[in-house]
Amino acid sequence: MAIDTAKVLVGAPMQSGTTGAVQYADVGTDLPADARTAWAAGTSCGYVSEDGLTLTAEYSTVDIKDWSKNTVRTLLEEFTGEISFSFIQTDYEGLCVLFGEDHVHRTPATSAAGETITIDMGAHLAPARTFVFNMKDGDARMRVVVPNGQPVLDGDLTFVANEPIKWNVKIVCSVDGAGERVYIHTDDGVVSA
């Protein structure tokens, strides 16, 4: 394999002034098949903290040994995947990801008050969702797709005067109909002549 600095990618968010890098939809929604085509089925979420996105893949294996205790084969026992990130934008869409529409109540602005949101925080989970994370590096694109992810609020909420409120999200990736948990699409951005 030849070395190529153009293949050294960074995971910068692919977002516009109106579309965030994180999108979600109901489980079963058609998934994007590549890294570049816009995914119109998804609802856009807000800003993610500077810590970005972390995909944790864990492979649990067991070794089969022969009579002399030499490993002759390794079997996969279990694979788990989790994605973590922090929303720093507090809005209805992001809160619905974490708590579910049944537990996030929005009232439109009036002449006396702005839009209000009330969160019912308790012993309940938001519904599983399909998640799409869009990234770019110059003309290159990368997309992480979780077809069936269970979002949960992960960790403390900290309210400090000189930092954004971080809504720490953990997405536990479950299997889809094909038995997969995560898809990663890349596009190097180099088109043929």
C-alpha atoms as a PDB file:
ATOM      1  CA  MET A   1       0.000   0.000   0.000  1.00  0.00           C
ATOM      2  CA  ALA A   2       1.419   3.354  -1.030  1.00  0.00           C
ATOM      3  CA  ILE A   3       1.331   6.228   1.432  1.00  0.00           C
ATOM      4  CA  ASP A   4      -1.020   9.068   0.546  1.00  0.00           C
ATOM      5  CA  THR A   5      -1.561  12.123   2.746  1.00  0.00           C
ATOM      6  CA  ALA A   6      -4.904  12.717   0.989  1.00  0.00           C
ATOM      7  CA  LYS A   7      -6.138   9.544   2.701  1.00  0.00           C
ATOM      8  CA  VAL A   8      -5.432  10.946   6.186  1.00  0.00           C
ATOM      9  CA  LEU A   9      -8.877  12.185   7.158  1.00  0.00           C
ATOM     10  CA  VAL A  10     -10.204  14.286  10.015  1.00  0.00           C
ATOM     11  CA  GLY A  11     -13.708  13.940  11.444  1.00  0.00           C
ATOM     12  CA  ALA A  12     -14.987  17.502  11.079  1.00  0.00           C
ATOM     13  CA  PRO A  13     -18.768  17.870  11.120  1.00  0.00           C
ATOM     14  CA  MET A  14     -20.588  18.220   7.815  1.00  0.00           C
ATOM     15  CA  GLN A  15     -23.141  20.865   8.671  1.00  0.00           C
ATOM     16  CA  SER A  16     -24.639  23.914   7.079  1.00  0.00           C
ATOM     17  CA  GLY A  17     -26.348  26.923   8.565  1.00  0.00           C
ATOM     18  CA  THR A  18     -29.549  24.904   8.868  1.00  0.00           C
ATOM     19  CA  THR A  19     -28.524  21.228   8.938  1.00  0.00           C
ATOM     20  CA  GLY A  20     -26.489  19.742  11.748  1.00  0.00           C
ATOM     21  CA  ALA A  21     -24.029  16.878  11.469  1.00  0.00           C
ATOM     22  CA  VAL A  22     -26.290  14.586  13.543  1.00  0.00           C
ATOM     23  CA  GLN A  23     -29.602  13.400  12.128  1.00  0.00           C
ATOM     24  CA  TYR A  24     -32.169  10.903  13.382  1.00  0.00           C
ATOM     25  CA  ALA A  25     -35.281   9.131  12.145  1.00  0.00           C
ATOM     26  CA  ASP A  26     -37.535   6.266  13.167  1.00  0.00           C
ATOM     27  CA  VAL A  27     -36.014   2.789  13.103  1.00  0.00           C
ATOM     28  CA  GLY A  28     -36.876   1.203   9.760  1.00  0.00           C
ATOM     29  CA  THR A  29     -36.371   4.414   7.773  1.00  0.00           C
ATOM     30  CA  ASP A  30     -34.393   3.824   4.579  1.00  0.00           C
ATOM     31  CA  LEU A  31     -30.700   4.248   5.336  1.00  0.00           C
ATOM     32  CA  PRO A  32     -28.291   6.332   3.302  1.00  0.00           C
ATOM     33  CA  ALA A  33     -26.199   4.083   1.072  1.00  0.00           C
ATOM     34  CA  ASP A  34     -23.152   6.311   0.724  1.00  0.00           C
ATOM     35  CA  ALA A  35     -21.245   9.145   2.368  1.00  0.00           C
ATOM     36  CA  ARG A  36     -22.294  11.985   0.090  1.00  0.00           C
ATOM     37  CA  THR A  37     -25.983  11.811  -0.860  1.00  0.00           C
ATOM     38  CA  ALA A  38     -28.187  14.032   1.317  1.00  0.00           C
ATOM     39  CA  TRP A  39     -30.379  12.059   3.710  1.00  0.00           C
ATOM     40  CA  ALA A  40     -33.706  13.870   3.495  1.00  0.00           C
ATOM     41  CA  ALA A  41     -35.472  11.402   5.815  1.00  0.00           C
ATOM     42  CA  GLY A  42     -33.576  12.568   8.900  1.00  0.00           C
ATOM     43  CA  THR A  43     -34.393  15.275  11.412  1.00  0.00           C
ATOM     44  CA  SER A  44     -31.385  17.450  12.113  1.00  0.00           C
ATOM     45  CA  CYS A  45     -30.069  17.917  15.628  1.00  0.00           C
ATOM     46  CA  GLY A  46     -28.100  20.883  16.925  1.00  0.00           C
ATOM     47  CA  TYR A  47     -24.483  21.611  17.677  1.00  0.00           C
ATOM     48  CA  VAL A  48     -22.208  18.929  19.125  1.00  0.00           C
ATOM     49  CA  SER A  49     -19.377  19.852  21.501  1.00  0.00           C
ATOM     50  CA  GLU A  50     -15.775  20.228  20.378  1.00  0.00           C
ATOM     51  CA  ASP A  51     -15.076  16.708  21.700  1.00  0.00           C
ATOM     52  CA  GLY A  52     -16.836  15.371  18.598  1.00  0.00           C
ATOM     53  CA  LEU A  53     -18.047  11.836  18.209  1.00  0.00           C
ATOM     54  CA  THR A  54     -16.619   8.663  19.767  1.00  0.00           C
ATOM     55  CA  LEU A  55     -17.422   5.213  18.382  1.00  0.00           C
ATOM     56  CA  THR A  56     -16.481   2.452  20.820  1.00  0.00           C
ATOM     57  CA  ALA A  57     -16.372  -1.036  19.313  1.00  0.00           C
ATOM     58  CA  GLU A  58     -15.717  -3.927  21.672  1.00  0.00           C
ATOM     59  CA  TYR A  59     -14.980  -7.441  20.516  1.00  0.00           C
ATOM     60  CA  SER A  60     -15.190 -10.140  23.170  1.00  0.00           C
ATOM     61  CA  THR A  61     -13.339 -13.304  22.133  1.00  0.00           C
ATOM     62  CA  VAL A  62     -12.600 -16.737  23.518  1.00  0.00           C
ATOM     63  CA  ASP A  63      -9.529 -18.784  22.640  1.00  0.00           C
ATOM     64  CA  ILE A  64      -9.684 -22.482  21.853  1.00  0.00           C
ATOM     65  CA  LYS A  65      -6.557 -24.238  23.037  1.00  0.00           C
ATOM     66  CA  ASP A  66      -5.170 -27.629  22.191  1.00  0.00           C
ATOM     67  CA  TRP A  67      -3.889 -30.214  24.623  1.00  0.00           C
ATOM     68  CA  SER A  68      -0.565 -28.426  24.973  1.00  0.00           C
ATOM     69  CA  LYS A  69      -2.304 -25.126  25.786  1.00  0.00           C
ATOM     70  CA  ASN A  70      -1.518 -23.476  22.448  1.00  0.00           C
ATOM     71  CA  THR A  71      -4.224 -21.237  21.002  1.00  0.00           C
ATOM     72  CA  VAL A  72      -5.435 -22.883  17.823  1.00  0.00           C
ATOM     73  CA  ARG A  73      -8.458 -20.720  17.135  1.00  0.00           C
ATOM     74  CA  THR A  74     -10.128 -17.546  18.383  1.00  0.00           C
ATOM     75  CA  LEU A  75     -13.910 -17.198  18.316  1.00  0.00           C
ATOM     76  CA  LEU A  76     -15.991 -14.073  18.564  1.00  0.00           C
ATOM     77  CA  GLU A  77     -18.268 -14.273  21.615  1.00  0.00           C
ATOM     78  CA  GLU A  78     -19.841 -10.847  21.398  1.00  0.00           C
ATOM     79  CA  PHE A  79     -19.617  -7.523  19.622  1.00  0.00           C
ATOM     80  CA  THR A  80     -20.989  -4.334  21.130  1.00  0.00           C
ATOM     81  CA  GLY A  81     -20.954  -0.837  19.743  1.00  0.00           C
ATOM     82  CA  GLU A  82     -21.633   2.509  21.385  1.00  0.00           C
ATOM     83  CA  ILE A  83     -21.457   6.051  20.126  1.00  0.00           C
ATOM     84  CA  SER A  84     -21.047   8.984  22.477  1.00  0.00           C
ATOM     85  CA  PHE A  85     -21.134  12.734  21.988  1.00  0.00           C
ATOM     86  CA  SER A  86     -22.515  15.826  23.705  1.00  0.00           C
ATOM     87  CA  PHE A  87     -25.171  18.185  22.418  1.00  0.00           C
ATOM     88  CA  ILE A  88     -24.386  21.777  23.358  1.00  0.00           C
ATOM     89  CA  GLN A  89     -27.523  23.129  21.722  1.00  0.00           C
ATOM     90  CA  THR A  90     -30.567  22.891  23.970  1.00  0.00           C
ATOM     91  CA  ASP A  91     -33.600  22.582  21.711  1.00  0.00           C
ATOM     92  CA  TYR A  92     -36.673  20.477  21.172  1.00  0.00           C
ATOM     93  CA  GLU A  93     -35.191  18.100  18.575  1.00  0.00           C
ATOM     94  CA  GLY A  94     -32.103  17.240  20.611  1.00  0.00           C
ATOM     95  CA  LEU A  95     -34.097  16.806  23.814  1.00  0.00           C
ATOM     96  CA  CYS A  96     -36.541  14.513  22.005  1.00  0.00           C
ATOM     97  CA  VAL A  97     -33.591  12.331  20.989  1.00  0.00           C
ATOM     98  CA  LEU A  98     -32.650  11.948  24.657  1.00  0.00           C
ATOM     99  CA  PHE A  99     -36.032  11.748  26.334  1.00  0.00           C
ATOM    100  CA  GLY A 100     -38.602  10.980  23.615  1.00  0.00           C
ATOM    101  CA  GLU A 101     -41.453  13.136  22.332  1.00  0.00           C
ATOM    102  CA  ASP A 102     -43.789  11.822  25.056  1.00  0.00           C
ATOM    103  CA  HIS A 103     -41.537  13.369  27.712  1.00  0.00           C
ATOM    104  CA  VAL A 104     -40.587  16.689  26.067  1.00  0.00           C
ATOM    105  CA  HIS A 105     -43.332  19.324  25.996  1.00  0.00           C
ATOM    106  CA  ARG A 106     -43.030  22.467  23.890  1.00  0.00           C
ATOM    107  CA  THR A 107     -45.180  25.580  24.072  1.00  0.00           C
ATOM    108  CA  PRO A 108     -44.836  28.216  21.351  1.00  0.00           C
ATOM    109  CA  ALA A 109     -43.719  31.740  22.184  1.00  0.00           C
ATOM    110  CA  THR A 110     -46.319  34.261  23.269  1.00  0.00           C
ATOM    111  CA  SER A 111     -46.233  37.997  23.854  1.00  0.00           C
ATOM    112  CA  ALA A 112     -45.321  37.281  27.501  1.00  0.00           C
ATOM    113  CA  ALA A 113     -42.727  34.474  27.156  1.00  0.00           C
ATOM    114  CA  GLY A 114     -40.487  32.756  24.646  1.00  0.00           C
ATOM    115  CA  GLU A 115     -40.857  29.159  23.549  1.00  0.00           C
ATOM    116  CA  THR A 116     -40.889  26.953  26.622  1.00  0.00           C
ATOM    117  CA  ILE A 117     -39.784  23.345  26.932  1.00  0.00           C
ATOM    118  CA  THR A 118     -40.481  21.029  29.848  1.00  0.00           C
ATOM    119  CA  ILE A 119     -38.684  17.694  30.188  1.00  0.00           C
ATOM    120  CA  ASP A 120     -40.170  14.808  32.171  1.00  0.00           C
ATOM    121  CA  MET A 121     -37.028  13.146  33.531  1.00  0.00           C
ATOM    122  CA  GLY A 122     -37.614   9.747  35.090  1.00  0.00           C
ATOM    123  CA  ALA A 123     -37.425   5.984  34.737  1.00  0.00           C
ATOM    124  CA  HIS A 124     -38.149   5.778  31.018  1.00  0.00           C
ATOM    125  CA  LEU A 125     -36.139   5.599  27.818  1.00  0.00           C
ATOM    126  CA  ALA A 126     -36.593   7.459  24.575  1.00  0.00           C
ATOM    127  CA  PRO A 127     -37.459   5.216  21.641  1.00  0.00           C
ATOM    128  CA  ALA A 128     -34.681   3.618  19.635  1.00  0.00           C
ATOM    129  CA  ARG A 129     -33.824   5.603  16.502  1.00  0.00           C
ATOM    130  CA  THR A 130     -31.810   5.471  13.334  1.00  0.00           C
ATOM    131  CA  PHE A 131     -28.854   7.885  13.577  1.00  0.00           C
ATOM    132  CA  VAL A 132     -26.655   9.365  10.861  1.00  0.00           C
ATOM    133  CA  PHE A 133     -23.453  11.298  11.587  1.00  0.00           C
ATOM    134  CA  ASN A 134     -22.090  13.344   8.676  1.00  0.00           C
ATOM    135  CA  MET A 135     -18.437  14.375   8.450  1.00  0.00           C
ATOM    136  CA  LYS A 136     -16.192  16.063   5.921  1.00  0.00           C
ATOM    137  CA  ASP A 137     -12.557  16.787   5.243  1.00  0.00           C
ATOM    138  CA  GLY A 138     -12.229  19.081   2.243  1.00  0.00           C
ATOM    139  CA  ASP A 139     -13.892  17.194  -0.619  1.00  0.00           C
ATOM    140  CA  ALA A 140     -13.796  13.882   1.263  1.00  0.00           C
ATOM    141  CA  ARG A 141     -16.855  12.697   3.158  1.00  0.00           C
ATOM    142  CA  MET A 142     -17.492  10.162   5.905  1.00  0.00           C
ATOM    143  CA  ARG A 143     -20.806   9.000   7.300  1.00  0.00           C
ATOM    144  CA  VAL A 144     -21.475   6.787  10.313  1.00  0.00           C
ATOM    145  CA  VAL A 145     -24.905   5.140  10.254  1.00  0.00           C
ATOM    146  CA  VAL A 146     -26.551   3.435  13.233  1.00  0.00           C
ATOM    147  CA  PRO A 147     -29.725   1.730  11.984  1.00  0.00           C
ATOM    148  CA  ASN A 148     -31.026   0.826  15.455  1.00  0.00           C
ATOM    149  CA  GLY A 149     -29.614   2.883  18.305  1.00  0.00           C
ATOM    150  CA  GLN A 150     -30.935   3.317  21.845  1.00  0.00           C
ATOM    151  CA  PRO A 151     -30.096   6.847  23.082  1.00  0.00           C
ATOM    152  CA  VAL A 152     -29.626   7.548  26.777  1.00  0.00           C
ATOM    153  CA  LEU A 153     -28.499  10.552  28.786  1.00  0.00           C
ATOM    154  CA  ASP A 154     -25.035   9.562  29.973  1.00  0.00           C
ATOM    155  CA  GLY A 155     -23.512  11.220  33.008  1.00  0.00           C
ATOM    156  CA  ASP A 156     -23.998  14.435  34.884  1.00  0.00           C
ATOM    157  CA  LEU A 157     -25.595  17.634  33.662  1.00  0.00           C
ATOM    158  CA  THR A 158     -23.348  20.491  34.729  1.00  0.00           C
ATOM    159  CA  PHE A 159     -24.576  24.080  34.879  1.00  0.00           C
ATOM    160  CA  VAL A 160     -21.616  26.495  34.895  1.00  0.00           C
ATOM    161  CA  ALA A 161     -21.515  30.175  33.945  1.00  0.00           C
ATOM    162  CA  ASN A 162     -18.576  29.915  31.521  1.00  0.00           C
ATOM    163  CA  GLU A 163     -19.305  26.594  29.750  1.00  0.00           C
ATOM    164  CA  PRO A 164     -22.115  25.324  27.542  1.00  0.00           C
ATOM    165  CA  ILE A 165     -24.601  22.931  29.089  1.00  0.00           C
ATOM    166  CA  LYS A 166     -23.607  19.529  27.723  1.00  0.00           C
ATOM    167  CA  TRP A 167     -26.287  16.923  27.166  1.00  0.00           C
ATOM    168  CA  ASN A 168     -24.074  13.819  27.106  1.00  0.00           C
ATOM    169  CA  VAL A 169     -25.540  11.222  24.774  1.00  0.00           C
ATOM    170  CA  LYS A 170     -24.691   7.533  24.626  1.00  0.00           C
ATOM    171  CA  ILE A 171     -26.183   5.482  21.819  1.00  0.00           C
ATOM    172  CA  VAL A 172     -26.180   1.727  22.345  1.00  0.00           C
ATOM    173  CA  CYS A 173     -26.085   0.142  18.887  1.00  0.00           C
ATOM    174  CA  SER A 174     -28.390  -2.856  18.408  1.00  0.00           C
ATOM    175  CA  VAL A 175     -28.513  -5.146  15.391  1.00  0.00           C
ATOM    176  CA  ASP A 176     -30.539  -4.341  12.308  1.00  0.00           C
ATOM    177  CA  GLY A 177     -32.293  -6.788   9.964  1.00  0.00           C
ATOM    178  CA  ALA A 178     -28.944  -7.715   8.390  1.00  0.00           C
ATOM    179  CA  GLY A 179     -27.337  -8.439  11.768  1.00  0.00           C
ATOM    180  CA  GLU A 180     -25.126  -5.327  11.686  1.00  0.00           C
ATOM    181  CA  ARG A 181     -24.870  -2.541  14.272  1.00  0.00           C
ATOM    182  CA  VAL A 182     -22.948   0.254  12.511  1.00  0.00           C
ATOM    183  CA  TYR A 183     -22.151   1.168   8.908  1.00  0.00           C
ATOM    184  CA  ILE A 184     -19.323   3.526   7.951  1.00  0.00           C
ATOM    185  CA  HIS A 185     -19.301   5.049   4.469  1.00  0.00           C
ATOM    186  CA  THR A 186     -16.398   7.004   2.999  1.00  0.00           C
ATOM    187  CA  ASP A 187     -15.949   8.995  -0.207  1.00  0.00           C
ATOM    188  CA  ASP A 188     -12.460  10.337  -0.926  1.00  0.00           C
ATOM    189  CA  GLY A 189     -13.869  13.164  -3.042  1.00  0.00           C
ATOM    190  CA  VAL A 190     -11.635  12.393  -6.036  1.00  0.00           C
ATOM    191  CA  VAL A 191     -13.858  12.062  -9.102  1.00  0.00           C
ATOM    192  CA  SER A 192     -12.872  10.405 -12.375  1.00  0.00           C
ATOM    193  CA  ALA A 193     -12.327  12.484 -15.484  1.00  0.00           C
END
